[in-house]
PDB file of all heavy atoms in Angstrom:
ATOM      1  N   MET A   1     -29.205  55.783  43.812  1.00  0.00           N
ATOM      2  CA  MET A   1     -28.608  55.517  42.493  1.00  0.00           C
ATOM      3  C   MET A   1     -27.158  55.984  42.500  1.00  0.00           C
ATOM      4  O   MET A   1     -26.866  57.117  42.903  1.00  0.00           O
ATOM      5  CB  MET A   1     -29.393  56.255  41.407  1.00  0.00           C
ATOM      6  CG  MET A   1     -28.836  56.064  40.003  1.00  0.00           C
ATOM      7  SD  MET A   1     -29.082  54.401  39.367  1.00  0.00           S
ATOM      8  CE  MET A   1     -30.869  54.397  39.162  1.00  0.00           C
ATOM      9  N   PHE A   2     -26.270  55.070  42.078  1.00  0.00           N
ATOM     10  CA  PHE A   2     -24.848  55.436  42.035  1.00  0.00           C
ATOM     11  C   PHE A   2     -24.627  56.460  40.925  1.00  0.00           C
ATOM     12  O   PHE A   2     -25.205  56.342  39.842  1.00  0.00           O
ATOM     13  CB  PHE A   2     -24.001  54.188  41.769  1.00  0.00           C
ATOM     14  CG  PHE A   2     -22.541  54.387  42.026  1.00  0.00           C
ATOM     15  CD1 PHE A   2     -22.034  54.284  43.304  1.00  0.00           C
ATOM     16  CD2 PHE A   2     -21.667  54.681  40.989  1.00  0.00           C
ATOM     17  CE1 PHE A   2     -20.686  54.461  43.553  1.00  0.00           C
ATOM     18  CE2 PHE A   2     -20.321  54.873  41.214  1.00  0.00           C
ATOM     19  CZ  PHE A   2     -19.825  54.756  42.514  1.00  0.00           C
ATOM     20  N   PRO A   3     -23.791  57.489  41.182  1.00  0.00           N
ATOM     21  CA  PRO A   3     -23.580  58.553  40.185  1.00  0.00           C
ATOM     22  C   PRO A   3     -23.102  57.998  38.840  1.00  0.00           C
ATOM     23  O   PRO A   3     -22.132  57.243  38.773  1.00  0.00           O
ATOM     24  CB  PRO A   3     -22.511  59.447  40.833  1.00  0.00           C
ATOM     25  CG  PRO A   3     -22.669  59.202  42.303  1.00  0.00           C
ATOM     26  CD  PRO A   3     -23.088  57.769  42.437  1.00  0.00           C
ATOM     27  N   GLU A   4     -23.778  58.411  37.792  1.00  0.00           N
ATOM     28  CA  GLU A   4     -23.471  57.911  36.453  1.00  0.00           C
ATOM     29  C   GLU A   4     -22.063  58.296  36.017  1.00  0.00           C
ATOM     30  O   GLU A   4     -21.365  57.511  35.365  1.00  0.00           O
ATOM     31  CB  GLU A   4     -24.498  58.481  35.468  1.00  0.00           C
ATOM     32  CG  GLU A   4     -24.359  57.976  34.046  1.00  0.00           C
ATOM     33  CD  GLU A   4     -24.806  56.533  33.882  1.00  0.00           C
ATOM     34  OE1 GLU A   4     -25.656  56.088  34.692  1.00  0.00           O
ATOM     35  OE2 GLU A   4     -24.299  55.866  32.964  1.00  0.00           O
ATOM     36  N   GLN A   5     -21.619  59.486  36.378  1.00  0.00           N
ATOM     37  CA  GLN A   5     -20.324  59.964  35.912  1.00  0.00           C
ATOM     38  C   GLN A   5     -19.157  59.240  36.563  1.00  0.00           C
ATOM     39  O   GLN A   5     -18.011  59.355  36.124  1.00  0.00           O
ATOM     40  CB  GLN A   5     -20.195  61.485  36.140  1.00  0.00           C
ATOM     41  CG  GLN A   5     -20.241  61.914  37.599  1.00  0.00           C
ATOM     42  CD  GLN A   5     -21.672  62.196  38.056  1.00  0.00           C
ATOM     43  OE1 GLN A   5     -22.610  61.673  37.450  1.00  0.00           O
ATOM     44  NE2 GLN A   5     -21.820  63.013  39.078  1.00  0.00           N
ATOM     45  N   TRP A   6     -19.402  58.493  37.633  1.00  0.00           N
ATOM     46  CA  TRP A   6     -18.335  57.759  38.318  1.00  0.00           C
ATOM     47  C   TRP A   6     -18.165  56.335  37.786  1.00  0.00           C
ATOM     48  O   TRP A   6     -17.251  55.626  38.187  1.00  0.00           O
ATOM     49  CB  TRP A   6     -18.617  57.692  39.821  1.00  0.00           C
ATOM     50  CG  TRP A   6     -18.445  59.019  40.502  1.00  0.00           C
ATOM     51  CD1 TRP A   6     -18.146  60.217  39.930  1.00  0.00           C
ATOM     52  CD2 TRP A   6     -18.595  59.257  41.906  1.00  0.00           C
ATOM     53  NE1 TRP A   6     -18.094  61.217  40.867  1.00  0.00           N
ATOM     54  CE2 TRP A   6     -18.367  60.649  42.107  1.00  0.00           C
ATOM     55  CE3 TRP A   6     -18.890  58.473  43.001  1.00  0.00           C
ATOM     56  CZ2 TRP A   6     -18.416  61.234  43.350  1.00  0.00           C
ATOM     57  CZ3 TRP A   6     -18.945  59.053  44.264  1.00  0.00           C
ATOM     58  CH2 TRP A   6     -18.710  60.422  44.435  1.00  0.00           C
ATOM     59  N   ARG A   7     -19.068  55.916  36.947  1.00  0.00           N
ATOM     60  CA  ARG A   7     -19.021  54.527  36.484  1.00  0.00           C
ATOM     61  C   ARG A   7     -17.883  54.312  35.490  1.00  0.00           C
ATOM     62  O   ARG A   7     -17.616  55.147  34.628  1.00  0.00           O
ATOM     63  CB  ARG A   7     -20.353  54.138  35.829  1.00  0.00           C
ATOM     64  CG  ARG A   7     -21.512  54.147  36.801  1.00  0.00           C
ATOM     65  CD  ARG A   7     -22.781  53.674  36.118  1.00  0.00           C
ATOM     66  NE  ARG A   7     -23.933  53.786  37.007  1.00  0.00           N
ATOM     67  CZ  ARG A   7     -25.177  53.472  36.665  1.00  0.00           C
ATOM     68  NH1 ARG A   7     -25.421  53.029  35.433  1.00  0.00           N
ATOM     69  NH2 ARG A   7     -26.164  53.595  37.528  1.00  0.00           N
ATOM     70  N   ILE A   8     -17.229  53.169  35.630  1.00  0.00           N
ATOM     71  CA  ILE A   8     -16.143  52.773  34.733  1.00  0.00           C
ATOM     72  C   ILE A   8     -16.456  51.378  34.203  1.00  0.00           C
ATOM     73  O   ILE A   8     -16.781  50.472  34.978  1.00  0.00           O
ATOM     74  CB  ILE A   8     -14.788  52.768  35.466  1.00  0.00           C
ATOM     75  CG1 ILE A   8     -14.456  54.158  35.992  1.00  0.00           C
ATOM     76  CG2 ILE A   8     -13.683  52.259  34.542  1.00  0.00           C
ATOM     77  CD1 ILE A   8     -13.192  54.207  36.823  1.00  0.00           C
ATOM     78  N   SER A   9     -16.354  51.186  32.914  1.00  0.00           N
ATOM     79  CA  SER A   9     -16.614  49.874  32.309  1.00  0.00           C
ATOM     80  C   SER A   9     -15.313  49.314  31.750  1.00  0.00           C
ATOM     81  O   SER A   9     -14.575  50.006  31.046  1.00  0.00           O
ATOM     82  CB  SER A   9     -17.649  49.995  31.187  1.00  0.00           C
ATOM     83  OG  SER A   9     -17.810  48.751  30.534  1.00  0.00           O
ATOM     84  N   ILE A  10     -15.030  48.055  32.090  1.00  0.00           N
ATOM     85  CA  ILE A  10     -13.849  47.391  31.545  1.00  0.00           C
ATOM     86  C   ILE A  10     -14.223  46.506  30.348  1.00  0.00           C
ATOM     87  O   ILE A  10     -13.362  45.860  29.759  1.00  0.00           O
ATOM     88  CB  ILE A  10     -13.150  46.527  32.621  1.00  0.00           C
ATOM     89  CG1 ILE A  10     -14.065  45.379  33.063  1.00  0.00           C
ATOM     90  CG2 ILE A  10     -12.718  47.379  33.797  1.00  0.00           C
ATOM     91  CD1 ILE A  10     -13.366  44.365  33.946  1.00  0.00           C
ATOM     92  N   ARG A  11     -15.510  46.489  30.016  1.00  0.00           N
ATOM     93  CA  ARG A  11     -15.980  45.607  28.958  1.00  0.00           C
ATOM     94  C   ARG A  11     -15.319  45.924  27.624  1.00  0.00           C
ATOM     95  O   ARG A  11     -14.828  45.030  26.924  1.00  0.00           O
ATOM     96  CB  ARG A  11     -17.497  45.718  28.823  1.00  0.00           C
ATOM     97  CG  ARG A  11     -18.096  44.790  27.771  1.00  0.00           C
ATOM     98  CD  ARG A  11     -19.607  44.904  27.774  1.00  0.00           C
ATOM     99  NE  ARG A  11     -20.035  46.262  27.447  1.00  0.00           N
ATOM    100  CZ  ARG A  11     -21.299  46.668  27.507  1.00  0.00           C
ATOM    101  NH1 ARG A  11     -22.252  45.834  27.890  1.00  0.00           N
ATOM    102  NH2 ARG A  11     -21.613  47.912  27.191  1.00  0.00           N
ATOM    103  N   GLY A  12     -15.283  47.197  27.261  1.00  0.00           N
ATOM    104  CA  GLY A  12     -14.714  47.591  25.976  1.00  0.00           C
ATOM    105  C   GLY A  12     -13.250  47.227  25.838  1.00  0.00           C
ATOM    106  O   GLY A  12     -12.857  46.558  24.859  1.00  0.00           O
ATOM    107  N   PRO A  13     -12.373  47.643  26.786  1.00  0.00           N
ATOM    108  CA  PRO A  13     -10.945  47.289  26.677  1.00  0.00           C
ATOM    109  C   PRO A  13     -10.695  45.779  26.663  1.00  0.00           C
ATOM    110  O   PRO A  13      -9.836  45.304  25.910  1.00  0.00           O
ATOM    111  CB  PRO A  13     -10.327  47.940  27.919  1.00  0.00           C
ATOM    112  CG  PRO A  13     -11.252  49.063  28.268  1.00  0.00           C
ATOM    113  CD  PRO A  13     -12.612  48.585  27.899  1.00  0.00           C
ATOM    114  N   VAL A  14     -11.433  45.044  27.487  1.00  0.00           N
ATOM    115  CA  VAL A  14     -11.231  43.586  27.519  1.00  0.00           C
ATOM    116  C   VAL A  14     -11.622  42.963  26.187  1.00  0.00           C
ATOM    117  O   VAL A  14     -10.892  42.131  25.625  1.00  0.00           O
ATOM    118  CB  VAL A  14     -12.040  42.955  28.675  1.00  0.00           C
ATOM    119  CG1 VAL A  14     -12.035  41.432  28.555  1.00  0.00           C
ATOM    120  CG2 VAL A  14     -11.473  43.375  30.018  1.00  0.00           C
ATOM    121  N   ASN A  15     -12.777  43.359  25.650  1.00  0.00           N
ATOM    122  CA  ASN A  15     -13.216  42.822  24.361  1.00  0.00           C
ATOM    123  C   ASN A  15     -12.245  43.181  23.242  1.00  0.00           C
ATOM    124  O   ASN A  15     -11.952  42.366  22.362  1.00  0.00           O
ATOM    125  CB  ASN A  15     -14.620  43.335  24.021  1.00  0.00           C
ATOM    126  CG  ASN A  15     -15.688  42.717  24.901  1.00  0.00           C
ATOM    127  OD1 ASN A  15     -15.478  41.673  25.516  1.00  0.00           O
ATOM    128  ND2 ASN A  15     -16.843  43.361  24.968  1.00  0.00           N
ATOM    129  N   SER A  16     -11.731  44.417  23.278  1.00  0.00           N
ATOM    130  CA  SER A  16     -10.766  44.841  22.256  1.00  0.00           C
ATOM    131  C   SER A  16      -9.483  44.023  22.352  1.00  0.00           C
ATOM    132  O   SER A  16      -8.888  43.651  21.321  1.00  0.00           O
ATOM    133  CB  SER A  16     -10.449  46.335  22.419  1.00  0.00           C
ATOM    134  OG  SER A  16     -11.616  47.115  22.250  1.00  0.00           O
ATOM    135  N   PHE A  17      -9.060  43.737  23.577  1.00  0.00           N
ATOM    136  CA  PHE A  17      -7.839  42.950  23.773  1.00  0.00           C
ATOM    137  C   PHE A  17      -8.004  41.540  23.219  1.00  0.00           C
ATOM    138  O   PHE A  17      -7.127  41.022  22.511  1.00  0.00           O
ATOM    139  CB  PHE A  17      -7.501  42.911  25.260  1.00  0.00           C
ATOM    140  CG  PHE A  17      -6.335  42.026  25.597  1.00  0.00           C
ATOM    141  CD1 PHE A  17      -5.044  42.400  25.251  1.00  0.00           C
ATOM    142  CD2 PHE A  17      -6.531  40.823  26.255  1.00  0.00           C
ATOM    143  CE1 PHE A  17      -3.957  41.587  25.551  1.00  0.00           C
ATOM    144  CE2 PHE A  17      -5.450  39.997  26.561  1.00  0.00           C
ATOM    145  CZ  PHE A  17      -4.166  40.385  26.205  1.00  0.00           C
ATOM    146  N   ILE A  18      -9.136  40.906  23.534  1.00  0.00           N
ATOM    147  CA  ILE A  18      -9.388  39.549  23.046  1.00  0.00           C
ATOM    148  C   ILE A  18      -9.493  39.531  21.518  1.00  0.00           C
ATOM    149  O   ILE A  18      -8.942  38.646  20.846  1.00  0.00           O
ATOM    150  CB  ILE A  18     -10.665  38.964  23.673  1.00  0.00           C
ATOM    151  CG1 ILE A  18     -10.522  38.843  25.195  1.00  0.00           C
ATOM    152  CG2 ILE A  18     -10.996  37.609  23.064  1.00  0.00           C
ATOM    153  CD1 ILE A  18      -9.468  37.866  25.640  1.00  0.00           C
ATOM    154  N   GLU A  19     -10.183  40.517  20.958  1.00  0.00           N
ATOM    155  CA  GLU A  19     -10.317  40.592  19.499  1.00  0.00           C
ATOM    156  C   GLU A  19      -8.959  40.791  18.821  1.00  0.00           C
ATOM    157  O   GLU A  19      -8.689  40.227  17.758  1.00  0.00           O
ATOM    158  CB  GLU A  19     -11.269  41.724  19.121  1.00  0.00           C
ATOM    159  CG  GLU A  19     -12.727  41.436  19.486  1.00  0.00           C
ATOM    160  CD  GLU A  19     -13.617  42.655  19.333  1.00  0.00           C
ATOM    161  OE1 GLU A  19     -13.080  43.714  18.895  1.00  0.00           O
ATOM    162  OE2 GLU A  19     -14.807  42.571  19.651  1.00  0.00           O
ATOM    163  N   ALA A  20      -8.084  41.597  19.457  1.00  0.00           N
ATOM    164  CA  ALA A  20      -6.742  41.805  18.905  1.00  0.00           C
ATOM    165  C   ALA A  20      -5.931  40.510  18.949  1.00  0.00           C
ATOM    166  O   ALA A  20      -5.190  40.202  18.010  1.00  0.00           O
ATOM    167  CB  ALA A  20      -6.024  42.911  19.678  1.00  0.00           C
ATOM    168  N   LEU A  21      -6.081  39.757  20.032  1.00  0.00           N
ATOM    169  CA  LEU A  21      -5.387  38.470  20.130  1.00  0.00           C
ATOM    170  C   LEU A  21      -5.832  37.529  19.003  1.00  0.00           C
ATOM    171  O   LEU A  21      -5.012  36.877  18.356  1.00  0.00           O
ATOM    172  CB  LEU A  21      -5.666  37.818  21.486  1.00  0.00           C
ATOM    173  CG  LEU A  21      -4.887  38.318  22.699  1.00  0.00           C
ATOM    174  CD1 LEU A  21      -5.308  37.545  23.948  1.00  0.00           C
ATOM    175  CD2 LEU A  21      -3.380  38.171  22.482  1.00  0.00           C
ATOM    176  N   VAL A  22      -7.138  37.458  18.800  1.00  0.00           N
ATOM    177  CA  VAL A  22      -7.668  36.568  17.762  1.00  0.00           C
ATOM    178  C   VAL A  22      -7.191  36.998  16.385  1.00  0.00           C
ATOM    179  O   VAL A  22      -6.804  36.169  15.549  1.00  0.00           O
ATOM    180  CB  VAL A  22      -9.215  36.554  17.819  1.00  0.00           C
ATOM    181  CG1 VAL A  22      -9.779  35.750  16.655  1.00  0.00           C
ATOM    182  CG2 VAL A  22      -9.694  35.965  19.146  1.00  0.00           C
ATOM    183  N   ALA A  23      -7.202  38.314  16.146  1.00  0.00           N
ATOM    184  CA  ALA A  23      -6.823  38.818  14.825  1.00  0.00           C
ATOM    185  C   ALA A  23      -5.337  38.655  14.544  1.00  0.00           C
ATOM    186  O   ALA A  23      -4.936  38.292  13.434  1.00  0.00           O
ATOM    187  CB  ALA A  23      -7.214  40.290  14.701  1.00  0.00           C
ATOM    188  N   ASN A  24      -4.495  38.912  15.544  1.00  0.00           N
ATOM    189  CA  ASN A  24      -3.045  38.927  15.317  1.00  0.00           C
ATOM    190  C   ASN A  24      -2.366  37.586  15.578  1.00  0.00           C
ATOM    191  O   ASN A  24      -1.316  37.301  14.979  1.00  0.00           O
ATOM    192  CB  ASN A  24      -2.395  39.999  16.200  1.00  0.00           C
ATOM    193  CG  ASN A  24      -2.891  41.392  15.860  1.00  0.00           C
ATOM    194  OD1 ASN A  24      -3.121  41.709  14.700  1.00  0.00           O
ATOM    195  ND2 ASN A  24      -3.056  42.231  16.875  1.00  0.00           N
ATOM    196  N   TYR A  25      -2.916  36.806  16.481  1.00  0.00           N
ATOM    197  CA  TYR A  25      -2.246  35.549  16.867  1.00  0.00           C
ATOM    198  C   TYR A  25      -3.170  34.344  16.745  1.00  0.00           C
ATOM    199  O   TYR A  25      -2.946  33.319  17.376  1.00  0.00           O
ATOM    200  CB  TYR A  25      -1.732  35.652  18.308  1.00  0.00           C
ATOM    201  CG  TYR A  25      -0.792  36.811  18.527  1.00  0.00           C
ATOM    202  CD1 TYR A  25      -1.244  37.987  19.126  1.00  0.00           C
ATOM    203  CD2 TYR A  25       0.537  36.744  18.113  1.00  0.00           C
ATOM    204  CE1 TYR A  25      -0.385  39.059  19.326  1.00  0.00           C
ATOM    205  CE2 TYR A  25       1.395  37.810  18.308  1.00  0.00           C
ATOM    206  CZ  TYR A  25       0.931  38.961  18.915  1.00  0.00           C
ATOM    207  OH  TYR A  25       1.784  40.015  19.099  1.00  0.00           O
ATOM    208  N   GLY A  26      -4.194  34.470  15.913  1.00  0.00           N
ATOM    209  CA  GLY A  26      -5.127  33.367  15.750  1.00  0.00           C
ATOM    210  C   GLY A  26      -4.462  32.095  15.264  1.00  0.00           C
ATOM    211  O   GLY A  26      -4.813  30.990  15.702  1.00  0.00           O
ATOM    212  N   PHE A  27      -3.447  32.226  14.397  1.00  0.00           N
ATOM    213  CA  PHE A  27      -2.750  31.050  13.875  1.00  0.00           C
ATOM    214  C   PHE A  27      -2.032  30.295  14.982  1.00  0.00           C
ATOM    215  O   PHE A  27      -1.993  29.047  14.988  1.00  0.00           O
ATOM    216  CB  PHE A  27      -1.747  31.481  12.797  1.00  0.00           C
ATOM    217  CG  PHE A  27      -0.625  32.348  13.307  1.00  0.00           C
ATOM    218  CD1 PHE A  27       0.590  31.794  13.692  1.00  0.00           C
ATOM    219  CD2 PHE A  27      -0.796  33.717  13.415  1.00  0.00           C
ATOM    220  CE1 PHE A  27       1.616  32.583  14.164  1.00  0.00           C
ATOM    221  CE2 PHE A  27       0.232  34.521  13.897  1.00  0.00           C
ATOM    222  CZ  PHE A  27       1.440  33.950  14.277  1.00  0.00           C
ATOM    223  N   ALA A  28      -1.463  31.036  15.934  1.00  0.00           N
ATOM    224  CA  ALA A  28      -0.756  30.391  17.041  1.00  0.00           C
ATOM    225  C   ALA A  28      -1.740  29.649  17.946  1.00  0.00           C
ATOM    226  O   ALA A  28      -1.467  28.522  18.393  1.00  0.00           O
ATOM    227  CB  ALA A  28       0.025  31.434  17.844  1.00  0.00           C
ATOM    228  N   PHE A  29      -2.890  30.276  18.205  1.00  0.00           N
ATOM    229  CA  PHE A  29      -3.891  29.617  19.037  1.00  0.00           C
ATOM    230  C   PHE A  29      -4.437  28.369  18.349  1.00  0.00           C
ATOM    231  O   PHE A  29      -4.690  27.354  19.001  1.00  0.00           O
ATOM    232  CB  PHE A  29      -5.030  30.593  19.353  1.00  0.00           C
ATOM    233  CG  PHE A  29      -4.653  31.664  20.331  1.00  0.00           C
ATOM    234  CD1 PHE A  29      -4.610  32.998  19.935  1.00  0.00           C
ATOM    235  CD2 PHE A  29      -4.341  31.353  21.634  1.00  0.00           C
ATOM    236  CE1 PHE A  29      -4.261  33.996  20.834  1.00  0.00           C
ATOM    237  CE2 PHE A  29      -3.989  32.335  22.550  1.00  0.00           C
ATOM    238  CZ  PHE A  29      -3.950  33.659  22.141  1.00  0.00           C
ATOM    239  N   ARG A  30      -4.606  28.435  17.022  1.00  0.00           N
ATOM    240  CA  ARG A  30      -5.095  27.266  16.293  1.00  0.00           C
ATOM    241  C   ARG A  30      -4.081  26.121  16.332  1.00  0.00           C
ATOM    242  O   ARG A  30      -4.454  24.956  16.480  1.00  0.00           O
ATOM    243  CB  ARG A  30      -5.417  27.655  14.847  1.00  0.00           C
ATOM    244  CG  ARG A  30      -6.719  28.446  14.696  1.00  0.00           C
ATOM    245  CD  ARG A  30      -7.113  28.554  13.239  1.00  0.00           C
ATOM    246  NE  ARG A  30      -6.164  29.356  12.471  1.00  0.00           N
ATOM    247  CZ  ARG A  30      -6.231  30.676  12.346  1.00  0.00           C
ATOM    248  NH1 ARG A  30      -7.207  31.349  12.933  1.00  0.00           N
ATOM    249  NH2 ARG A  30      -5.334  31.330  11.623  1.00  0.00           N
ATOM    250  N   ALA A  31      -2.795  26.459  16.201  1.00  0.00           N
ATOM    251  CA  ALA A  31      -1.756  25.421  16.267  1.00  0.00           C
ATOM    252  C   ALA A  31      -1.704  24.791  17.653  1.00  0.00           C
ATOM    253  O   ALA A  31      -1.589  23.566  17.793  1.00  0.00           O
ATOM    254  CB  ALA A  31      -0.400  26.031  15.903  1.00  0.00           C
ATOM    255  N   PHE A  32      -1.799  25.628  18.680  1.00  0.00           N
ATOM    256  CA  PHE A  32      -1.799  25.109  20.054  1.00  0.00           C
ATOM    257  C   PHE A  32      -3.019  24.234  20.297  1.00  0.00           C
ATOM    258  O   PHE A  32      -2.914  23.146  20.884  1.00  0.00           O
ATOM    259  CB  PHE A  32      -1.783  26.282  21.035  1.00  0.00           C
ATOM    260  CG  PHE A  32      -1.908  25.872  22.476  1.00  0.00           C
ATOM    261  CD1 PHE A  32      -0.844  25.297  23.138  1.00  0.00           C
ATOM    262  CD2 PHE A  32      -3.103  26.061  23.159  1.00  0.00           C
ATOM    263  CE1 PHE A  32      -0.962  24.916  24.469  1.00  0.00           C
ATOM    264  CE2 PHE A  32      -3.237  25.686  24.482  1.00  0.00           C
ATOM    265  CZ  PHE A  32      -2.149  25.110  25.138  1.00  0.00           C
ATOM    266  N   ALA A  33      -4.166  24.701  19.825  1.00  0.00           N
ATOM    267  CA  ALA A  33      -5.398  23.930  20.011  1.00  0.00           C
ATOM    268  C   ALA A  33      -5.314  22.580  19.314  1.00  0.00           C
ATOM    269  O   ALA A  33      -5.783  21.565  19.829  1.00  0.00           O
ATOM    270  CB  ALA A  33      -6.593  24.725  19.487  1.00  0.00           C
ATOM    271  N   HIS A  34      -4.697  22.559  18.134  1.00  0.00           N
ATOM    272  CA  HIS A  34      -4.553  21.300  17.397  1.00  0.00           C
ATOM    273  C   HIS A  34      -3.693  20.310  18.187  1.00  0.00           C
ATOM    274  O   HIS A  34      -4.016  19.112  18.259  1.00  0.00           O
ATOM    275  CB  HIS A  34      -3.935  21.571  16.030  1.00  0.00           C
ATOM    276  CG  HIS A  34      -3.721  20.332  15.213  1.00  0.00           C
ATOM    277  ND1 HIS A  34      -4.757  19.637  14.623  1.00  0.00           N
ATOM    278  CD2 HIS A  34      -2.581  19.632  14.913  1.00  0.00           C
ATOM    279  CE1 HIS A  34      -4.281  18.586  13.987  1.00  0.00           C
ATOM    280  NE2 HIS A  34      -2.968  18.563  14.147  1.00  0.00           N
ATOM    281  N   SER A  35      -2.615  20.796  18.780  1.00  0.00           N
ATOM    282  CA  SER A  35      -1.732  19.919  19.567  1.00  0.00           C
ATOM    283  C   SER A  35      -2.465  19.351  20.779  1.00  0.00           C
ATOM    284  O   SER A  35      -2.368  18.151  21.071  1.00  0.00           O
ATOM    285  CB  SER A  35      -0.491  20.695  20.015  1.00  0.00           C
ATOM    286  OG  SER A  35       0.232  21.191  18.911  1.00  0.00           O
ATOM    287  N   VAL A  36      -3.179  20.217  21.485  1.00  0.00           N
ATOM    288  CA  VAL A  36      -3.920  19.758  22.657  1.00  0.00           C
ATOM    289  C   VAL A  36      -5.001  18.765  22.259  1.00  0.00           C
ATOM    290  O   VAL A  36      -5.205  17.736  22.922  1.00  0.00           O
ATOM    291  CB  VAL A  36      -4.537  20.952  23.413  1.00  0.00           C
ATOM    292  CG1 VAL A  36      -5.420  20.476  24.564  1.00  0.00           C
ATOM    293  CG2 VAL A  36      -3.444  21.869  23.944  1.00  0.00           C
ATOM    294  N   LEU A  37      -5.678  19.057  21.161  1.00  0.00           N
ATOM    295  CA  LEU A  37      -6.742  18.162  20.698  1.00  0.00           C
ATOM    296  C   LEU A  37      -6.193  16.786  20.341  1.00  0.00           C
ATOM    297  O   LEU A  37      -6.820  15.760  20.655  1.00  0.00           O
ATOM    298  CB  LEU A  37      -7.442  18.772  19.479  1.00  0.00           C
ATOM    299  CG  LEU A  37      -8.609  17.961  18.891  1.00  0.00           C
ATOM    300  CD1 LEU A  37      -9.705  17.760  19.935  1.00  0.00           C
ATOM    301  CD2 LEU A  37      -9.163  18.641  17.654  1.00  0.00           C
TER     302      LEU A  37
END
């Protein structure tokens, strides 16, 4: 069993980054998506 104290998870920071993008720049992504569509 790999030592528990050595484990590092990137799940939290990545999810927080994506959520921040959606919250702060969602309008820009929607405008871009509309153009592509």
